[in-house]
C-alpha atoms as a PDB file:
ATOM      1  CA  MET A   1    -226.971  29.100 -53.712  1.00  0.00           C
ATOM      2  CA  SER A   2    -230.559  30.285 -53.693  1.00  0.00           C
ATOM      3  CA  ARG A   3    -232.858  27.918 -55.570  1.00  0.00           C
ATOM      4  CA  ILE A   4    -235.423  30.661 -56.148  1.00  0.00           C
ATOM      5  CA  GLY A   5    -232.810  33.238 -57.147  1.00  0.00           C
ATOM      6  CA  LYS A   6    -231.294  30.986 -59.833  1.00  0.00           C
ATOM      7  CA  GLN A   7    -234.566  30.655 -61.776  1.00  0.00           C
ATOM      8  CA  PRO A   8    -234.902  32.972 -64.781  1.00  0.00           C
ATOM      9  CA  ILE A   9    -237.970  35.224 -64.866  1.00  0.00           C
ATOM     10  CA  PRO A  10    -239.908  34.902 -68.147  1.00  0.00           C
ATOM     11  CA  ILE A  11    -241.168  38.169 -69.626  1.00  0.00           C
ATOM     12  CA  PRO A  12    -244.644  37.741 -71.184  1.00  0.00           C
ATOM     13  CA  SER A  13    -245.587  39.504 -74.409  1.00  0.00           C
ATOM     14  CA  GLY A  14    -246.768  43.076 -73.905  1.00  0.00           C
ATOM     15  CA  VAL A  15    -244.526  43.611 -70.865  1.00  0.00           C
ATOM     16  CA  GLU A  16    -241.510  45.924 -71.076  1.00  0.00           C
ATOM     17  CA  VAL A  17    -238.667  45.666 -68.540  1.00  0.00           C
ATOM     18  CA  LYS A  18    -236.091  48.461 -68.259  1.00  0.00           C
ATOM     19  CA  ILE A  19    -233.102  47.887 -65.960  1.00  0.00           C
ATOM     20  CA  GLY A  20    -231.733  51.192 -64.644  1.00  0.00           C
ATOM     21  CA  ALA A  21    -228.955  52.165 -62.250  1.00  0.00           C
ATOM     22  CA  ASP A  22    -231.128  52.197 -59.115  1.00  0.00           C
ATOM     23  CA  VAL A  23    -234.559  50.812 -60.171  1.00  0.00           C
ATOM     24  CA  VAL A  24    -236.026  48.211 -62.498  1.00  0.00           C
ATOM     25  CA  GLU A  25    -239.116  49.602 -64.224  1.00  0.00           C
ATOM     26  CA  VAL A  26    -241.778  47.230 -65.520  1.00  0.00           C
ATOM     27  CA  LYS A  27    -244.591  48.406 -67.820  1.00  0.00           C
ATOM     28  CA  GLY A  28    -247.506  46.326 -69.020  1.00  0.00           C
ATOM     29  CA  PRO A  29    -251.216  46.374 -69.836  1.00  0.00           C
ATOM     30  CA  LYS A  30    -252.266  46.683 -66.144  1.00  0.00           C
ATOM     31  CA  GLY A  31    -249.939  49.618 -65.350  1.00  0.00           C
ATOM     32  CA  SER A  32    -246.320  50.224 -64.418  1.00  0.00           C
ATOM     33  CA  LEU A  33    -244.340  49.238 -61.324  1.00  0.00           C
ATOM     34  CA  SER A  34    -240.752  49.588 -60.181  1.00  0.00           C
ATOM     35  CA  THR A  35    -238.541  47.757 -57.735  1.00  0.00           C
ATOM     36  CA  PRO A  36    -235.145  48.894 -56.371  1.00  0.00           C
ATOM     37  CA  VAL A  37    -231.885  47.404 -57.681  1.00  0.00           C
ATOM     38  CA  GLU A  38    -229.612  45.704 -55.151  1.00  0.00           C
ATOM     39  CA  ALA A  39    -225.929  46.692 -55.571  1.00  0.00           C
ATOM     40  CA  CYS A  40    -224.559  43.203 -54.860  1.00  0.00           C
ATOM     41  CA  LEU A  41    -226.566  41.569 -57.711  1.00  0.00           C
ATOM     42  CA  ASN A  42    -226.261  41.634 -61.511  1.00  0.00           C
ATOM     43  CA  TYR A  43    -229.470  42.062 -63.530  1.00  0.00           C
ATOM     44  CA  GLU A  44    -229.267  40.696 -67.083  1.00  0.00           C
ATOM     45  CA  MET A  45    -231.862  40.402 -69.852  1.00  0.00           C
ATOM     46  CA  ALA A  46    -231.466  37.573 -72.349  1.00  0.00           C
ATOM     47  CA  ASP A  47    -233.935  36.202 -74.957  1.00  0.00           C
ATOM     48  CA  GLY A  48    -237.157  37.072 -73.120  1.00  0.00           C
ATOM     49  CA  HIS A  49    -235.907  36.324 -69.598  1.00  0.00           C
ATOM     50  CA  VAL A  50    -234.408  38.317 -66.722  1.00  0.00           C
ATOM     51  CA  VAL A  51    -231.662  36.554 -64.774  1.00  0.00           C
ATOM     52  CA  LEU A  52    -230.236  37.694 -61.429  1.00  0.00           C
ATOM     53  CA  THR A  53    -226.720  36.626 -60.441  1.00  0.00           C
ATOM     54  CA  ARG A  54    -224.551  37.473 -57.441  1.00  0.00           C
ATOM     55  CA  LYS A  55    -221.457  39.660 -57.796  1.00  0.00           C
ATOM     56  CA  ASN A  56    -219.867  37.991 -54.748  1.00  0.00           C
ATOM     57  CA  GLU A  57    -220.707  35.304 -52.201  1.00  0.00           C
ATOM     58  CA  THR A  58    -221.292  37.516 -49.156  1.00  0.00           C
ATOM     59  CA  ARG A  59    -224.037  36.914 -46.636  1.00  0.00           C
ATOM     60  CA  GLN A  60    -225.973  39.993 -47.814  1.00  0.00           C
ATOM     61  CA  ALA A  61    -225.788  38.927 -51.466  1.00  0.00           C
ATOM     62  CA  SER A  62    -227.160  35.480 -50.681  1.00  0.00           C
ATOM     63  CA  ALA A  63    -229.907  36.987 -48.500  1.00  0.00           C
ATOM     64  CA  GLN A  64    -230.980  39.420 -51.239  1.00  0.00           C
ATOM     65  CA  HIS A  65    -230.742  37.011 -54.189  1.00  0.00           C
ATOM     66  CA  GLY A  66    -234.047  35.184 -53.762  1.00  0.00           C
ATOM     67  CA  LEU A  67    -235.849  38.238 -52.365  1.00  0.00           C
ATOM     68  CA  ARG A  68    -235.028  40.554 -55.270  1.00  0.00           C
ATOM     69  CA  ARG A  69    -235.869  37.860 -57.824  1.00  0.00           C
ATOM     70  CA  THR A  70    -239.282  37.322 -56.201  1.00  0.00           C
ATOM     71  CA  LEU A  71    -240.011  41.068 -55.993  1.00  0.00           C
ATOM     72  CA  LEU A  72    -239.187  41.488 -59.694  1.00  0.00           C
ATOM     73  CA  ALA A  73    -241.271  38.428 -60.628  1.00  0.00           C
ATOM     74  CA  ASN A  74    -244.221  39.869 -58.649  1.00  0.00           C
ATOM     75  CA  CYS A  75    -243.909  43.167 -60.556  1.00  0.00           C
ATOM     76  CA  ILE A  76    -243.886  41.365 -63.920  1.00  0.00           C
ATOM     77  CA  GLU A  77    -246.887  39.200 -62.996  1.00  0.00           C
ATOM     78  CA  GLY A  78    -248.732  42.213 -61.555  1.00  0.00           C
ATOM     79  CA  VAL A  79    -248.511  44.333 -64.705  1.00  0.00           C
ATOM     80  CA  SER A  80    -249.469  41.380 -66.930  1.00  0.00           C
ATOM     81  CA  LYS A  81    -252.193  39.529 -64.944  1.00  0.00           C
ATOM     82  CA  GLY A  82    -252.770  41.564 -61.771  1.00  0.00           C
ATOM     83  CA  TYR A  83    -253.572  40.415 -58.257  1.00  0.00           C
ATOM     84  CA  SER A  84    -256.850  40.216 -56.364  1.00  0.00           C
ATOM     85  CA  LYS A  85    -258.111  39.341 -52.884  1.00  0.00           C
ATOM     86  CA  THR A  86    -261.710  38.492 -52.071  1.00  0.00           C
ATOM     87  CA  LEU A  87    -263.231  39.298 -48.674  1.00  0.00           C
ATOM     88  CA  GLU A  88    -266.558  38.053 -47.306  1.00  0.00           C
ATOM     89  CA  VAL A  89    -268.757  40.113 -44.980  1.00  0.00           C
ATOM     90  CA  ILE A  90    -270.698  37.714 -42.745  1.00  0.00           C
ATOM     91  CA  GLY A  91    -273.399  38.758 -40.278  1.00  0.00           C
ATOM     92  CA  VAL A  92    -277.062  39.747 -40.034  1.00  0.00           C
ATOM     93  CA  GLY A  93    -277.441  43.229 -41.492  1.00  0.00           C
ATOM     94  CA  PHE A  94    -273.790  43.406 -42.547  1.00  0.00           C
ATOM     95  CA  LYS A  95    -273.408  44.992 -46.007  1.00  0.00           C
ATOM     96  CA  VAL A  96    -270.667  46.206 -48.310  1.00  0.00           C
ATOM     97  CA  ALA A  97    -271.000  48.716 -51.161  1.00  0.00           C
ATOM     98  CA  VAL A  98    -268.544  50.407 -53.512  1.00  0.00           C
ATOM     99  CA  LYS A  99    -269.389  54.052 -54.175  1.00  0.00           C
ATOM    100  CA  GLY A 100    -266.992  55.712 -56.603  1.00  0.00           C
ATOM    101  CA  SER A 101    -263.502  55.524 -55.132  1.00  0.00           C
ATOM    102  CA  SER A 102    -264.633  54.541 -51.631  1.00  0.00           C
ATOM    103  CA  ILE A 103    -265.974  51.439 -49.893  1.00  0.00           C
ATOM    104  CA  GLU A 104    -268.873  51.703 -47.469  1.00  0.00           C
ATOM    105  CA  LEU A 105    -269.164  48.963 -44.842  1.00  0.00           C
ATOM    106  CA  ALA A 106    -272.130  48.419 -42.536  1.00  0.00           C
ATOM    107  CA  VAL A 107    -270.680  45.935 -40.047  1.00  0.00           C
ATOM    108  CA  GLY A 108    -272.584  46.402 -36.797  1.00  0.00           C
ATOM    109  CA  PHE A 109    -271.322  49.795 -35.708  1.00  0.00           C
ATOM    110  CA  SER A 110    -273.663  52.751 -35.088  1.00  0.00           C
ATOM    111  CA  HIS A 111    -272.467  54.317 -38.353  1.00  0.00           C
ATOM    112  CA  PRO A 112    -271.286  52.997 -41.726  1.00  0.00           C
ATOM    113  CA  VAL A 113    -267.502  52.816 -42.075  1.00  0.00           C
ATOM    114  CA  VAL A 114    -266.202  54.555 -45.225  1.00  0.00           C
ATOM    115  CA  VAL A 115    -262.756  53.577 -46.536  1.00  0.00           C
ATOM    116  CA  ASP A 116    -261.090  55.378 -49.460  1.00  0.00           C
ATOM    117  CA  LEU A 117    -259.411  53.261 -52.135  1.00  0.00           C
ATOM    118  CA  PRO A 118    -255.704  53.930 -52.687  1.00  0.00           C
ATOM    119  CA  THR A 119    -254.650  54.911 -56.197  1.00  0.00           C
ATOM    120  CA  GLY A 120    -253.920  51.892 -58.382  1.00  0.00           C
ATOM    121  CA  LEU A 121    -256.556  49.666 -56.767  1.00  0.00           C
ATOM    122  CA  GLU A 122    -260.119  48.938 -57.754  1.00  0.00           C
ATOM    123  CA  ALA A 123    -262.894  47.260 -55.787  1.00  0.00           C
ATOM    124  CA  LYS A 124    -266.036  45.397 -56.776  1.00  0.00           C
ATOM    125  CA  ALA A 125    -268.871  44.343 -54.462  1.00  0.00           C
ATOM    126  CA  GLU A 126    -271.233  41.467 -55.260  1.00  0.00           C
ATOM    127  CA  GLY A 127    -273.686  40.664 -52.488  1.00  0.00           C
ATOM    128  CA  ASN A 128    -271.626  40.059 -49.357  1.00  0.00           C
ATOM    129  CA  LYS A 129    -268.294  39.663 -51.236  1.00  0.00           C
ATOM    130  CA  LEU A 130    -265.753  42.425 -51.847  1.00  0.00           C
ATOM    131  CA  THR A 131    -262.987  41.903 -54.411  1.00  0.00           C
ATOM    132  CA  VAL A 132    -259.954  44.192 -54.250  1.00  0.00           C
ATOM    133  CA  SER A 133    -257.680  44.049 -57.309  1.00  0.00           C
ATOM    134  CA  GLY A 134    -254.642  45.851 -58.677  1.00  0.00           C
ATOM    135  CA  ALA A 135    -251.156  45.425 -60.131  1.00  0.00           C
ATOM    136  CA  ASP A 136    -249.133  45.785 -56.901  1.00  0.00           C
ATOM    137  CA  LYS A 137    -249.232  42.581 -54.825  1.00  0.00           C
ATOM    138  CA  GLN A 138    -248.086  44.293 -51.625  1.00  0.00           C
ATOM    139  CA  LEU A 139    -250.642  47.106 -51.923  1.00  0.00           C
ATOM    140  CA  VAL A 140    -253.541  44.693 -52.634  1.00  0.00           C
ATOM    141  CA  GLY A 141    -252.641  42.488 -49.648  1.00  0.00           C
ATOM    142  CA  GLU A 142    -252.100  45.396 -47.252  1.00  0.00           C
ATOM    143  CA  PHE A 143    -255.375  47.103 -48.215  1.00  0.00           C
ATOM    144  CA  ALA A 144    -257.339  43.835 -47.900  1.00  0.00           C
ATOM    145  CA  ALA A 145    -255.806  43.313 -44.448  1.00  0.00           C
ATOM    146  CA  SER A 146    -256.791  46.843 -43.390  1.00  0.00           C
ATOM    147  CA  ILE A 147    -260.393  46.185 -44.506  1.00  0.00           C
ATOM    148  CA  ARG A 148    -260.413  42.899 -42.535  1.00  0.00           C
ATOM    149  CA  ARG A 149    -259.048  44.740 -39.456  1.00  0.00           C
ATOM    150  CA  ILE A 150    -262.213  46.881 -39.292  1.00  0.00           C
ATOM    151  CA  ARG A 151    -264.239  43.905 -38.018  1.00  0.00           C
ATOM    152  CA  LYS A 152    -262.276  40.674 -37.553  1.00  0.00           C
ATOM    153  CA  PRO A 153    -264.295  37.444 -37.599  1.00  0.00           C
ATOM    154  CA  GLU A 154    -265.221  36.386 -34.086  1.00  0.00           C
ATOM    155  CA  PRO A 155    -264.968  32.711 -33.049  1.00  0.00           C
ATOM    156  CA  TYR A 156    -268.467  32.164 -31.601  1.00  0.00           C
ATOM    157  CA  LYS A 157    -270.860  33.036 -34.440  1.00  0.00           C
ATOM    158  CA  GLY A 158    -268.287  33.729 -37.165  1.00  0.00           C
ATOM    159  CA  LYS A 159    -269.521  37.290 -37.784  1.00  0.00           C
ATOM    160  CA  GLY A 160    -267.128  39.800 -39.305  1.00  0.00           C
ATOM    161  CA  ILE A 161    -264.972  40.304 -42.383  1.00  0.00           C
ATOM    162  CA  LYS A 162    -262.868  37.338 -43.491  1.00  0.00           C
ATOM    163  CA  TYR A 163    -260.876  36.270 -46.534  1.00  0.00           C
ATOM    164  CA  GLU A 164    -262.761  34.055 -48.983  1.00  0.00           C
ATOM    165  CA  ASN A 165    -260.754  30.871 -48.291  1.00  0.00           C
ATOM    166  CA  GLU A 166    -260.052  31.569 -44.582  1.00  0.00           C
ATOM    167  CA  GLN A 167    -261.142  28.975 -42.029  1.00  0.00           C
ATOM    168  CA  ILE A 168    -262.398  30.399 -38.725  1.00  0.00           C
ATOM    169  CA  ARG A 169    -261.701  28.266 -35.663  1.00  0.00           C
ATOM    170  CA  ARG A 170    -265.028  28.109 -33.895  1.00  0.00           C
ATOM    171  CA  LYS A 171    -265.467  27.902 -30.127  1.00  0.00           C
ATOM    172  CA  ALA A 172    -268.316  26.353 -28.174  1.00  0.00           C
ATOM    173  CA  GLY A 173    -270.582  28.816 -26.385  1.00  0.00           C
ATOM    174  CA  LYS A 174    -271.726  28.596 -22.792  1.00  0.00           C
ATOM    175  CA  SER A 175    -272.594  25.165 -21.507  1.00  0.00           C
ATOM    176  CA  ALA A 176    -276.263  24.479 -20.896  1.00  0.00           C
ATOM    177  CA  GLY A 177    -277.587  24.640 -17.303  1.00  0.00           C
ATOM    178  CA  LYS A 178    -277.049  21.682 -14.954  1.00  0.00           C
END
């Protein structure tokens, strides 16, 4: 039995959960999200909680039990609190700026790199830090990873775009002359 799947999901105040035939829709102050319903699971709402139970003990049902519970919990937390990732731009002359619905990065290329924000996300730049936030956990993480991919941190000087709490493994440079 899945330990994660057995836990009930509390529904905070201001969040509305509607269980349909093929999707579970979640609406809250930060927006609305939906996640697909798995056919081998039962979705039940009881006194401010959502509980997922298996219809049968097949391998697929046990594999989906914890996954679907976590996806639904992420939707509920996203529309109530939201998610955010903070990136740091490190390097001499490296800058980040948010202009309308796009992010402009000056990270050592001959031209500034302009990245458009997907719908549902917002970005804020303070100095050399860029904070990407939104209701969808998967979209926030994927967009932050695509920003980081533009200029990964290199191991010698540490220049590049890195997550705020990421540790870069540094390498020693060339050895001094004999």
